C-alpha atoms as a PDB file:
ATOM      1  CA  MET A   1      80.948 317.335 271.004  1.00  0.00           C
ATOM      2  CA  THR A   2      82.804 319.365 273.610  1.00  0.00           C
ATOM      3  CA  SER A   3      85.034 322.318 272.707  1.00  0.00           C
ATOM      4  CA  GLY A   4      88.145 320.290 273.507  1.00  0.00           C
ATOM      5  CA  GLU A   5      87.135 317.508 271.147  1.00  0.00           C
ATOM      6  CA  HIS A   6      86.370 320.091 268.414  1.00  0.00           C
ATOM      7  CA  VAL A   7      89.853 321.610 268.718  1.00  0.00           C
ATOM      8  CA  THR A   8      91.441 318.155 268.627  1.00  0.00           C
ATOM      9  CA  THR A   9      89.538 317.313 265.430  1.00  0.00           C
ATOM     10  CA  GLN A  10      90.745 320.539 263.779  1.00  0.00           C
ATOM     11  CA  VAL A  11      94.351 319.862 264.810  1.00  0.00           C
ATOM     12  CA  ARG A  12      94.165 316.369 263.305  1.00  0.00           C
ATOM     13  CA  ALA A  13      92.619 317.735 260.091  1.00  0.00           C
ATOM     14  CA  MET A  14      95.393 320.278 259.526  1.00  0.00           C
ATOM     15  CA  PRO A  15      98.159 317.774 258.606  1.00  0.00           C
ATOM     16  CA  SER A  16      95.813 315.949 256.247  1.00  0.00           C
ATOM     17  CA  ALA A  17      94.921 319.238 254.516  1.00  0.00           C
ATOM     18  CA  ALA A  18      98.599 320.115 254.198  1.00  0.00           C
ATOM     19  CA  ARG A  19      99.315 316.684 252.726  1.00  0.00           C
ATOM     20  CA  ALA A  20      96.488 317.155 250.230  1.00  0.00           C
ATOM     21  CA  ARG A  21      97.891 320.508 249.137  1.00  0.00           C
ATOM     22  CA  ARG A  22     101.375 319.037 248.745  1.00  0.00           C
ATOM     23  CA  THR A  23      99.971 316.130 246.765  1.00  0.00           C
ATOM     24  CA  ARG A  24      98.006 318.454 244.489  1.00  0.00           C
ATOM     25  CA  ARG A  25     101.057 320.672 244.009  1.00  0.00           C
ATOM     26  CA  ALA A  26     103.244 317.683 243.198  1.00  0.00           C
ATOM     27  CA  SER A  27     100.640 316.468 240.713  1.00  0.00           C
ATOM     28  CA  ASP A  28     100.547 319.881 239.019  1.00  0.00           C
ATOM     29  CA  ASN A  29     104.347 319.994 238.878  1.00  0.00           C
ATOM     30  CA  ALA A  30     104.500 316.489 237.418  1.00  0.00           C
ATOM     31  CA  LEU A  31     102.008 317.491 234.733  1.00  0.00           C
ATOM     32  CA  ALA A  32     104.021 320.627 233.926  1.00  0.00           C
ATOM     33  CA  TYR A  33     107.277 318.661 233.729  1.00  0.00           C
ATOM     34  CA  GLY A  34     105.523 316.148 231.500  1.00  0.00           C
ATOM     35  CA  PHE A  35     104.616 318.892 229.036  1.00  0.00           C
ATOM     36  CA  MET A  36     108.159 320.287 229.250  1.00  0.00           C
ATOM     37  CA  ALA A  37     109.847 316.912 228.763  1.00  0.00           C
ATOM     38  CA  PRO A  38     109.769 316.883 224.912  1.00  0.00           C
ATOM     39  CA  ALA A  39     111.249 320.393 224.723  1.00  0.00           C
ATOM     40  CA  ILE A  40     113.909 319.546 227.306  1.00  0.00           C
ATOM     41  CA  ALA A  41     114.756 316.371 225.401  1.00  0.00           C
ATOM     42  CA  CYS A  42     115.127 318.345 222.148  1.00  0.00           C
ATOM     43  CA  PHE A  43     117.380 320.908 223.823  1.00  0.00           C
ATOM     44  CA  ALA A  44     119.454 318.170 225.434  1.00  0.00           C
ATOM     45  CA  LEU A  45     119.838 316.227 222.188  1.00  0.00           C
ATOM     46  CA  PHE A  46     120.369 319.063 219.714  1.00  0.00           C
ATOM     47  CA  SER A  47     121.913 321.842 221.848  1.00  0.00           C
ATOM     48  CA  TRP A  48     123.456 320.677 225.112  1.00  0.00           C
ATOM     49  CA  TYR A  49     124.914 317.372 223.922  1.00  0.00           C
ATOM     50  CA  PRO A  50     126.642 318.888 220.826  1.00  0.00           C
ATOM     51  CA  LEU A  51     128.027 321.651 223.054  1.00  0.00           C
ATOM     52  CA  VAL A  52     129.529 319.206 225.547  1.00  0.00           C
ATOM     53  CA  ARG A  53     130.679 316.912 222.738  1.00  0.00           C
ATOM     54  CA  GLY A  54     132.383 319.839 220.993  1.00  0.00           C
ATOM     55  CA  VAL A  55     134.327 320.720 224.128  1.00  0.00           C
ATOM     56  CA  ILE A  56     135.500 317.114 224.425  1.00  0.00           C
ATOM     57  CA  LEU A  57     136.492 316.994 220.747  1.00  0.00           C
ATOM     58  CA  SER A  58     138.606 320.137 221.175  1.00  0.00           C
ATOM     59  CA  PHE A  59     141.047 318.082 223.281  1.00  0.00           C
ATOM     60  CA  GLN A  60     141.231 315.193 220.808  1.00  0.00           C
ATOM     61  CA  GLN A  61     142.602 314.494 217.361  1.00  0.00           C
ATOM     62  CA  VAL A  62     139.534 313.327 215.483  1.00  0.00           C
ATOM     63  CA  ASN A  63     138.846 312.555 211.820  1.00  0.00           C
ATOM     64  CA  PHE A  64     135.914 310.128 212.343  1.00  0.00           C
ATOM     65  CA  VAL A  65     137.806 307.458 210.415  1.00  0.00           C
ATOM     66  CA  THR A  66     140.321 306.243 212.972  1.00  0.00           C
ATOM     67  CA  ASP A  67     139.962 306.143 216.723  1.00  0.00           C
ATOM     68  CA  PRO A  68     140.241 309.571 218.388  1.00  0.00           C
ATOM     69  CA  THR A  69     143.470 310.411 220.188  1.00  0.00           C
ATOM     70  CA  TRP A  70     143.623 312.547 223.315  1.00  0.00           C
ATOM     71  CA  VAL A  71     146.038 315.432 222.663  1.00  0.00           C
ATOM     72  CA  GLY A  72     145.200 317.801 225.499  1.00  0.00           C
ATOM     73  CA  GLY A  73     145.827 321.424 224.602  1.00  0.00           C
ATOM     74  CA  ASP A  74     147.762 320.699 221.405  1.00  0.00           C
ATOM     75  CA  ASN A  75     144.792 321.706 219.223  1.00  0.00           C
ATOM     76  CA  PHE A  76     144.646 325.136 220.821  1.00  0.00           C
ATOM     77  CA  ALA A  77     148.408 325.569 220.481  1.00  0.00           C
ATOM     78  CA  ALA A  78     148.206 324.569 216.811  1.00  0.00           C
ATOM     79  CA  ILE A  79     145.485 327.053 215.913  1.00  0.00           C
ATOM     80  CA  PHE A  80     147.259 329.875 217.768  1.00  0.00           C
ATOM     81  CA  HIS A  81     150.357 329.207 215.649  1.00  0.00           C
ATOM     82  CA  ASP A  82     148.346 329.132 212.419  1.00  0.00           C
ATOM     83  CA  PRO A  83     149.062 332.336 210.405  1.00  0.00           C
ATOM     84  CA  LEU A  84     145.430 332.422 209.298  1.00  0.00           C
ATOM     85  CA  PHE A  85     144.176 332.473 212.904  1.00  0.00           C
ATOM     86  CA  TRP A  86     144.709 336.181 213.447  1.00  0.00           C
ATOM     87  CA  THR A  87     143.759 336.965 209.851  1.00  0.00           C
ATOM     88  CA  ALA A  88     140.407 335.253 210.351  1.00  0.00           C
ATOM     89  CA  TRP A  89     139.733 337.166 213.560  1.00  0.00           C
ATOM     90  CA  LYS A  90     140.716 340.461 211.939  1.00  0.00           C
ATOM     91  CA  ASN A  91     138.435 339.834 208.967  1.00  0.00           C
ATOM     92  CA  THR A  92     135.579 338.757 211.233  1.00  0.00           C
ATOM     93  CA  LEU A  93     135.872 341.904 213.338  1.00  0.00           C
ATOM     94  CA  GLU A  94     136.105 344.012 210.190  1.00  0.00           C
ATOM     95  CA  PHE A  95     132.976 342.378 208.793  1.00  0.00           C
ATOM     96  CA  THR A  96     131.162 342.946 212.091  1.00  0.00           C
ATOM     97  CA  GLY A  97     132.177 346.603 212.210  1.00  0.00           C
ATOM     98  CA  ILE A  98     131.057 347.334 208.642  1.00  0.00           C
ATOM     99  CA  ALA A  99     127.863 345.327 209.170  1.00  0.00           C
ATOM    100  CA  LEU A 100     127.008 347.489 212.178  1.00  0.00           C
ATOM    101  CA  LEU A 101     127.334 350.640 210.072  1.00  0.00           C
ATOM    102  CA  PHE A 102     124.894 349.321 207.468  1.00  0.00           C
ATOM    103  CA  GLY A 103     122.925 346.456 208.949  1.00  0.00           C
ATOM    104  CA  TYR A 104     122.207 348.080 212.319  1.00  0.00           C
ATOM    105  CA  ALA A 105     121.226 351.582 211.272  1.00  0.00           C
ATOM    106  CA  ALA A 106     119.449 350.756 207.998  1.00  0.00           C
ATOM    107  CA  PRO A 107     116.646 348.587 209.496  1.00  0.00           C
ATOM    108  CA  PHE A 108     115.896 351.217 212.141  1.00  0.00           C
ATOM    109  CA  PHE A 109     115.563 354.112 209.735  1.00  0.00           C
ATOM    110  CA  LEU A 110     113.668 351.933 207.260  1.00  0.00           C
ATOM    111  CA  ALA A 111     111.221 351.001 210.020  1.00  0.00           C
ATOM    112  CA  VAL A 112     110.757 354.685 210.892  1.00  0.00           C
ATOM    113  CA  VAL A 113     110.052 355.534 207.245  1.00  0.00           C
ATOM    114  CA  VAL A 114     107.583 352.654 206.790  1.00  0.00           C
ATOM    115  CA  ASN A 115     105.852 353.535 210.059  1.00  0.00           C
ATOM    116  CA  GLU A 116     105.259 357.103 208.834  1.00  0.00           C
ATOM    117  CA  MET A 117     103.628 355.940 205.608  1.00  0.00           C
ATOM    118  CA  ARG A 118      99.907 356.489 205.200  1.00  0.00           C
ATOM    119  CA  HIS A 119      99.418 354.152 202.234  1.00  0.00           C
ATOM    120  CA  PHE A 120     100.837 350.754 201.161  1.00  0.00           C
ATOM    121  CA  LYS A 121     102.345 350.142 204.612  1.00  0.00           C
ATOM    122  CA  GLY A 122     101.433 346.451 204.519  1.00  0.00           C
ATOM    123  CA  TYR A 123     102.982 346.041 201.084  1.00  0.00           C
ATOM    124  CA  PHE A 124     106.288 347.512 202.225  1.00  0.00           C
ATOM    125  CA  ARG A 125     106.294 345.296 205.302  1.00  0.00           C
ATOM    126  CA  VAL A 126     106.052 342.221 203.090  1.00  0.00           C
ATOM    127  CA  ALA A 127     108.640 343.583 200.667  1.00  0.00           C
ATOM    128  CA  VAL A 128     111.113 344.263 203.482  1.00  0.00           C
ATOM    129  CA  TYR A 129     110.680 340.813 205.006  1.00  0.00           C
ATOM    130  CA  LEU A 130     110.709 338.894 201.710  1.00  0.00           C
ATOM    131  CA  PRO A 131     114.526 338.347 201.573  1.00  0.00           C
ATOM    132  CA  VAL A 132     114.407 336.698 205.004  1.00  0.00           C
ATOM    133  CA  MET A 133     112.050 334.038 203.657  1.00  0.00           C
ATOM    134  CA  LEU A 134     114.466 333.084 200.888  1.00  0.00           C
ATOM    135  CA  PRO A 135     116.981 330.284 201.572  1.00  0.00           C
ATOM    136  CA  PRO A 136     120.403 331.811 202.350  1.00  0.00           C
ATOM    137  CA  LEU A 137     122.094 329.937 199.518  1.00  0.00           C
ATOM    138  CA  VAL A 138     119.546 331.271 197.026  1.00  0.00           C
ATOM    139  CA  VAL A 139     120.250 334.813 198.217  1.00  0.00           C
ATOM    140  CA  VAL A 140     124.000 334.331 197.846  1.00  0.00           C
ATOM    141  CA  LEU A 141     123.639 332.823 194.361  1.00  0.00           C
ATOM    142  CA  LEU A 142     121.472 335.768 193.323  1.00  0.00           C
ATOM    143  CA  TRP A 143     124.106 338.244 194.460  1.00  0.00           C
ATOM    144  CA  GLN A 144     126.817 336.137 192.894  1.00  0.00           C
ATOM    145  CA  TYR A 145     125.154 336.813 189.545  1.00  0.00           C
ATOM    146  CA  LEU A 146     124.865 340.522 190.345  1.00  0.00           C
ATOM    147  CA  TYR A 147     128.566 340.675 191.257  1.00  0.00           C
ATOM    148  CA  ASP A 148     129.779 338.703 188.215  1.00  0.00           C
ATOM    149  CA  PRO A 149     132.646 340.768 186.708  1.00  0.00           C
ATOM    150  CA  SER A 150     131.800 339.948 183.087  1.00  0.00           C
ATOM    151  CA  ASN A 151     128.034 339.416 182.892  1.00  0.00           C
ATOM    152  CA  GLY A 152     126.803 340.764 186.226  1.00  0.00           C
ATOM    153  CA  LEU A 153     124.101 343.400 186.521  1.00  0.00           C
ATOM    154  CA  PHE A 154     126.186 345.823 188.554  1.00  0.00           C
ATOM    155  CA  ASN A 155     129.018 346.026 186.019  1.00  0.00           C
ATOM    156  CA  ALA A 156     126.453 346.290 183.227  1.00  0.00           C
ATOM    157  CA  LEU A 157     125.029 349.372 184.943  1.00  0.00           C
ATOM    158  CA  LEU A 158     128.515 350.828 185.366  1.00  0.00           C
ATOM    159  CA  ARG A 159     129.230 350.275 181.680  1.00  0.00           C
ATOM    160  CA  GLY A 160     125.935 351.931 180.829  1.00  0.00           C
ATOM    161  CA  VAL A 161     126.966 355.172 182.543  1.00  0.00           C
ATOM    162  CA  HIS A 162     130.595 354.923 181.308  1.00  0.00           C
ATOM    163  CA  LEU A 163     132.124 354.253 184.726  1.00  0.00           C
ATOM    164  CA  PRO A 164     134.989 351.833 185.407  1.00  0.00           C
ATOM    165  CA  GLU A 165     133.921 348.312 186.230  1.00  0.00           C
ATOM    166  CA  SER A 166     134.661 346.627 189.565  1.00  0.00           C
ATOM    167  CA  GLN A 167     135.776 343.149 190.541  1.00  0.00           C
ATOM    168  CA  TRP A 168     133.466 343.312 193.577  1.00  0.00           C
ATOM    169  CA  THR A 169     134.101 340.129 195.588  1.00  0.00           C
ATOM    170  CA  GLN A 170     137.439 339.458 193.872  1.00  0.00           C
ATOM    171  CA  SER A 171     139.044 342.784 194.770  1.00  0.00           C
ATOM    172  CA  PRO A 172     140.665 343.274 198.211  1.00  0.00           C
ATOM    173  CA  ARG A 173     139.248 346.818 198.358  1.00  0.00           C
ATOM    174  CA  THR A 174     135.620 345.897 197.770  1.00  0.00           C
ATOM    175  CA  ALA A 175     135.350 342.237 198.777  1.00  0.00           C
ATOM    176  CA  MET A 176     134.417 342.774 202.417  1.00  0.00           C
ATOM    177  CA  LEU A 177     131.947 345.546 201.637  1.00  0.00           C
ATOM    178  CA  SER A 178     130.334 343.336 198.992  1.00  0.00           C
ATOM    179  CA  LEU A 179     129.822 340.582 201.552  1.00  0.00           C
ATOM    180  CA  VAL A 180     128.309 343.032 204.033  1.00  0.00           C
ATOM    181  CA  LEU A 181     125.796 344.257 201.455  1.00  0.00           C
ATOM    182  CA  VAL A 182     124.636 340.695 200.791  1.00  0.00           C
ATOM    183  CA  SER A 183     124.273 339.925 204.494  1.00  0.00           C
ATOM    184  CA  THR A 184     122.479 343.202 205.202  1.00  0.00           C
ATOM    185  CA  TRP A 185     119.963 342.768 202.389  1.00  0.00           C
ATOM    186  CA  ALA A 186     119.257 339.170 203.384  1.00  0.00           C
ATOM    187  CA  ASN A 187     118.797 339.725 207.121  1.00  0.00           C
ATOM    188  CA  MET A 188     117.576 343.264 207.701  1.00  0.00           C
ATOM    189  CA  GLY A 189     113.905 342.277 207.349  1.00  0.00           C
ATOM    190  CA  THR A 190     113.718 340.651 210.783  1.00  0.00           C
ATOM    191  CA  ALA A 191     115.156 343.674 212.582  1.00  0.00           C
ATOM    192  CA  THR A 192     112.918 346.014 210.588  1.00  0.00           C
ATOM    193  CA  ILE A 193     109.764 344.126 211.606  1.00  0.00           C
ATOM    194  CA  MET A 194     110.867 344.150 215.247  1.00  0.00           C
ATOM    195  CA  TYR A 195     111.508 347.887 215.105  1.00  0.00           C
ATOM    196  CA  LEU A 196     108.096 348.416 213.513  1.00  0.00           C
ATOM    197  CA  ALA A 197     106.455 346.490 216.344  1.00  0.00           C
ATOM    198  CA  ALA A 198     108.308 348.606 218.909  1.00  0.00           C
ATOM    199  CA  LEU A 199     107.302 351.827 217.139  1.00  0.00           C
ATOM    200  CA  GLN A 200     103.650 350.846 217.450  1.00  0.00           C
ATOM    201  CA  ASN A 201     104.014 350.821 221.245  1.00  0.00           C
ATOM    202  CA  ILE A 202     105.240 354.418 221.533  1.00  0.00           C
ATOM    203  CA  PRO A 203     102.352 356.579 222.829  1.00  0.00           C
ATOM    204  CA  GLY A 204     101.141 359.040 220.214  1.00  0.00           C
ATOM    205  CA  GLU A 205     100.754 361.699 222.920  1.00  0.00           C
ATOM    206  CA  LEU A 206     104.530 362.016 223.083  1.00  0.00           C
ATOM    207  CA  TYR A 207     104.741 362.941 219.415  1.00  0.00           C
ATOM    208  CA  GLU A 208     101.786 365.307 219.741  1.00  0.00           C
ATOM    209  CA  ALA A 209     103.445 367.071 222.660  1.00  0.00           C
ATOM    210  CA  ALA A 210     106.710 367.336 220.723  1.00  0.00           C
ATOM    211  CA  GLU A 211     104.896 368.822 217.724  1.00  0.00           C
ATOM    212  CA  LEU A 212     103.186 371.371 219.957  1.00  0.00           C
ATOM    213  CA  GLU A 213     106.605 372.376 221.249  1.00  0.00           C
ATOM    214  CA  GLY A 214     107.719 372.947 217.662  1.00  0.00           C
ATOM    215  CA  ALA A 215     110.047 369.928 217.422  1.00  0.00           C
ATOM    216  CA  SER A 216     111.258 369.013 213.959  1.00  0.00           C
ATOM    217  CA  ALA A 217     111.192 365.474 212.564  1.00  0.00           C
ATOM    218  CA  TRP A 218     114.826 364.951 213.528  1.00  0.00           C
ATOM    219  CA  GLN A 219     114.203 366.259 217.053  1.00  0.00           C
ATOM    220  CA  ARG A 220     111.209 363.937 217.469  1.00  0.00           C
ATOM    221  CA  LEU A 221     113.341 361.038 216.316  1.00  0.00           C
ATOM    222  CA  ARG A 222     116.187 361.960 218.645  1.00  0.00           C
ATOM    223  CA  HIS A 223     114.250 362.885 221.783  1.00  0.00           C
ATOM    224  CA  VAL A 224     111.156 360.670 221.513  1.00  0.00           C
ATOM    225  CA  THR A 225     111.664 357.668 219.226  1.00  0.00           C
ATOM    226  CA  ILE A 226     115.195 356.634 220.156  1.00  0.00           C
ATOM    227  CA  PRO A 227     114.761 356.964 223.966  1.00  0.00           C
ATOM    228  CA  GLN A 228     111.492 355.013 223.848  1.00  0.00           C
ATOM    229  CA  MET A 229     113.165 352.252 221.802  1.00  0.00           C
ATOM    230  CA  ARG A 230     116.402 352.189 223.759  1.00  0.00           C
ATOM    231  CA  PHE A 231     115.847 348.701 225.161  1.00  0.00           C
ATOM    232  CA  ILE A 232     115.065 347.023 221.821  1.00  0.00           C
ATOM    233  CA  LEU A 233     117.955 348.893 220.185  1.00  0.00           C
ATOM    234  CA  LEU A 234     120.399 347.549 222.754  1.00  0.00           C
ATOM    235  CA  VAL A 235     119.068 343.993 222.499  1.00  0.00           C
ATOM    236  CA  LEU A 236     119.270 343.941 218.701  1.00  0.00           C
ATOM    237  CA  LEU A 237     122.759 345.439 218.829  1.00  0.00           C
ATOM    238  CA  MET A 238     123.978 342.493 220.894  1.00  0.00           C
ATOM    239  CA  LEU A 239     122.161 339.963 218.698  1.00  0.00           C
ATOM    240  CA  GLN A 240     123.613 341.465 215.521  1.00  0.00           C
ATOM    241  CA  ILE A 241     127.156 341.428 216.866  1.00  0.00           C
ATOM    242  CA  VAL A 242     126.791 337.772 217.880  1.00  0.00           C
ATOM    243  CA  ALA A 243     125.279 336.869 214.497  1.00  0.00           C
ATOM    244  CA  THR A 244     127.801 338.728 212.334  1.00  0.00           C
ATOM    245  CA  MET A 245     130.708 337.211 214.251  1.00  0.00           C
ATOM    246  CA  GLN A 246     129.452 333.844 212.960  1.00  0.00           C
ATOM    247  CA  VAL A 247     129.206 334.828 209.291  1.00  0.00           C
ATOM    248  CA  PHE A 248     129.877 331.880 206.986  1.00  0.00           C
ATOM    249  CA  ILE A 249     127.668 331.421 203.942  1.00  0.00           C
ATOM    250  CA  GLU A 250     128.550 334.750 202.269  1.00  0.00           C
ATOM    251  CA  PRO A 251     132.374 334.403 202.285  1.00  0.00           C
ATOM    252  CA  PHE A 252     132.190 330.654 201.712  1.00  0.00           C
ATOM    253  CA  GLN A 253     130.075 330.906 198.567  1.00  0.00           C
ATOM    254  CA  LEU A 254     131.225 334.235 197.127  1.00  0.00           C
ATOM    255  CA  THR A 255     134.972 334.243 197.823  1.00  0.00           C
ATOM    256  CA  GLY A 256     135.820 330.660 198.780  1.00  0.00           C
ATOM    257  CA  THR A 257     137.875 329.251 201.632  1.00  0.00           C
ATOM    258  CA  THR A 258     141.317 330.315 200.437  1.00  0.00           C
ATOM    259  CA  ASN A 259     140.926 334.083 200.037  1.00  0.00           C
ATOM    260  CA  PRO A 260     142.914 335.698 202.889  1.00  0.00           C
ATOM    261  CA  ASP A 261     141.011 338.975 202.445  1.00  0.00           C
ATOM    262  CA  THR A 262     137.649 337.493 203.417  1.00  0.00           C
ATOM    263  CA  ILE A 263     138.398 334.347 205.401  1.00  0.00           C
ATOM    264  CA  THR A 264     136.448 334.461 208.683  1.00  0.00           C
ATOM    265  CA  VAL A 265     136.490 332.414 211.864  1.00  0.00           C
ATOM    266  CA  MET A 266     133.672 330.173 210.665  1.00  0.00           C
ATOM    267  CA  VAL A 267     135.361 329.641 207.303  1.00  0.00           C
ATOM    268  CA  LEU A 268     138.587 328.731 209.097  1.00  0.00           C
ATOM    269  CA  ILE A 269     136.662 326.189 211.180  1.00  0.00           C
ATOM    270  CA  TYR A 270     135.381 324.696 207.928  1.00  0.00           C
ATOM    271  CA  ARG A 271     138.953 324.547 206.562  1.00  0.00           C
ATOM    272  CA  TYR A 272     140.194 322.712 209.642  1.00  0.00           C
ATOM    273  CA  ALA A 273     137.406 320.137 209.453  1.00  0.00           C
ATOM    274  CA  PHE A 274     136.826 319.505 205.755  1.00  0.00           C
ATOM    275  CA  THR A 275     139.515 320.834 203.408  1.00  0.00           C
ATOM    276  CA  VAL A 276     143.057 321.340 204.693  1.00  0.00           C
ATOM    277  CA  ASN A 277     143.588 319.558 208.005  1.00  0.00           C
ATOM    278  CA  HIS A 278     140.640 317.144 208.086  1.00  0.00           C
ATOM    279  CA  ASP A 279     140.931 317.411 211.870  1.00  0.00           C
ATOM    280  CA  PHE A 280     137.660 317.932 213.666  1.00  0.00           C
ATOM    281  CA  GLY A 281     139.566 318.413 216.900  1.00  0.00           C
ATOM    282  CA  MET A 282     141.154 321.630 215.651  1.00  0.00           C
ATOM    283  CA  ALA A 283     137.801 322.747 214.275  1.00  0.00           C
ATOM    284  CA  ALA A 284     136.186 322.073 217.659  1.00  0.00           C
ATOM    285  CA  ALA A 285     138.949 323.992 219.437  1.00  0.00           C
ATOM    286  CA  MET A 286     138.347 327.003 217.203  1.00  0.00           C
ATOM    287  CA  SER A 287     134.613 326.701 217.841  1.00  0.00           C
ATOM    288  CA  VAL A 288     135.185 326.643 221.593  1.00  0.00           C
ATOM    289  CA  LEU A 289     137.271 329.802 221.368  1.00  0.00           C
ATOM    290  CA  LEU A 290     134.525 331.535 219.400  1.00  0.00           C
ATOM    291  CA  PHE A 291     131.952 330.365 221.948  1.00  0.00           C
ATOM    292  CA  VAL A 292     134.039 331.717 224.833  1.00  0.00           C
ATOM    293  CA  VAL A 293     134.573 335.077 223.136  1.00  0.00           C
ATOM    294  CA  LEU A 294     130.899 335.534 222.277  1.00  0.00           C
ATOM    295  CA  GLY A 295     129.800 334.284 225.690  1.00  0.00           C
ATOM    296  CA  ALA A 296     132.126 336.689 227.502  1.00  0.00           C
ATOM    297  CA  PHE A 297     131.021 339.579 225.311  1.00  0.00           C
ATOM    298  CA  SER A 298     127.335 338.802 225.895  1.00  0.00           C
ATOM    299  CA  ALA A 299     127.801 338.521 229.660  1.00  0.00           C
ATOM    300  CA  VAL A 300     129.643 341.843 229.884  1.00  0.00           C
ATOM    301  CA  TYR A 301     127.184 343.552 227.554  1.00  0.00           C
ATOM    302  CA  LEU A 302     124.144 342.346 229.490  1.00  0.00           C
ATOM    303  CA  ARG A 303     125.785 343.337 232.760  1.00  0.00           C
ATOM    304  CA  LEU A 304     126.431 346.866 231.519  1.00  0.00           C
ATOM    305  CA  THR A 305     122.957 347.383 230.037  1.00  0.00           C
ATOM    306  CA  HIS A 306     120.603 345.274 232.162  1.00  0.00           C
ATOM    307  CA  ASP A 307     119.992 347.493 235.200  1.00  0.00           C
ATOM    308  CA  LYS A 308     119.637 350.741 233.295  1.00  0.00           C
ATOM    309  CA  ASP A 309     117.479 349.552 230.424  1.00  0.00           C
ATOM    310  CA  GLU A 310     115.234 346.871 231.900  1.00  0.00           C
ATOM    311  CA  PRO A 311     111.701 347.743 230.710  1.00  0.00           C
ATOM    312  CA  GLY A 312     110.055 347.188 234.079  1.00  0.00           C
ATOM    313  CA  LYS A 313     112.520 349.445 235.859  1.00  0.00           C
ATOM    314  CA  ILE A 314     112.195 352.138 233.225  1.00  0.00           C
ATOM    315  CA  GLU A 315     108.415 352.077 233.531  1.00  0.00           C
ATOM    316  CA  SER A 316     108.433 352.027 237.333  1.00  0.00           C
ATOM    317  CA  SER A 317     110.969 354.845 237.518  1.00  0.00           C
ATOM    318  CA  GLY A 318     108.807 356.903 235.164  1.00  0.00           C
ATOM    319  CA  LYS A 319     105.743 356.324 237.335  1.00  0.00           C
ATOM    320  CA  ALA A 320     107.704 357.219 240.448  1.00  0.00           C
ATOM    321  CA  GLU A 321     108.927 360.414 238.825  1.00  0.00           C
ATOM    322  CA  ARG A 322     105.380 361.378 237.844  1.00  0.00           C
ATOM    323  CA  GLY A 323     104.232 360.618 241.382  1.00  0.00           C
ATOM    324  CA  ARG A 324     106.846 362.924 242.867  1.00  0.00           C
ATOM    325  CA  THR A 325     105.962 365.768 240.520  1.00  0.00           C
ATOM    326  CA  ALA A 326     102.174 365.389 240.898  1.00  0.00           C
ATOM    327  CA  PRO A 327     100.529 368.004 243.162  1.00  0.00           C
END
């Protein structure tokens, strides 16, 4: 074979090799999409379709008995003119604010305390996470007994020490705080376990260096623990705000759907759909508003915190800083 014929054979072989690579890549992609298909179908059926369907319902008058009627923006106008609309938003924001004071700080400090334990650490991990494994309704019923004004445990303790009894969930002064305590106790286990996992990833050399410099426990917490956990703290802050804005089971079960002191956005949605209006269109419109508010908040929050607190950038910037200071 001459050199010219050899080059011609190679040139002819190149397209066939490229076609083989494309075929193999397409086969791999088809296999990957095949494995992804069940998950995509579940998301489409149980997440994306209800979302689109809810947006459509928000522009209709629907009771699922008669045929739906297209009403345009009348549902949104109706809920904006509802006196309970602003009350529900105020109560929801109040619940979120109080929940951040208790439910955001308590899991972090509890995780720090458990992480410093030398004995029974595994036991306390299970004990902290146990309320999360209970059904939410069971948790609420348990606290409903504790809050009972006549036979509840809390008032029994107050009577035992000769202190005035409280109405707890039935008093405007203590109702919201009572709901926050139930929600915090029931949900703090997940955040605590996540904080414990993050604490395990902090290099022990940082604490040793701080101790050699004479740092106190508070100074180590402030200058070592919190900066090293900044990313997870910011992520859980956003998740807790989104979750507490959707609180439902605690006010629904403990104070009902008619108490103006504790009615929340989710409870108002329930009222529109099932008790007062029996109009799923108004309920869908309220749900769309909540979705828009939470979506806008999440987008702004992630935009403000993403660049500064992305783990990869933090790590790379630290390596670059060490490289500049190395001799």
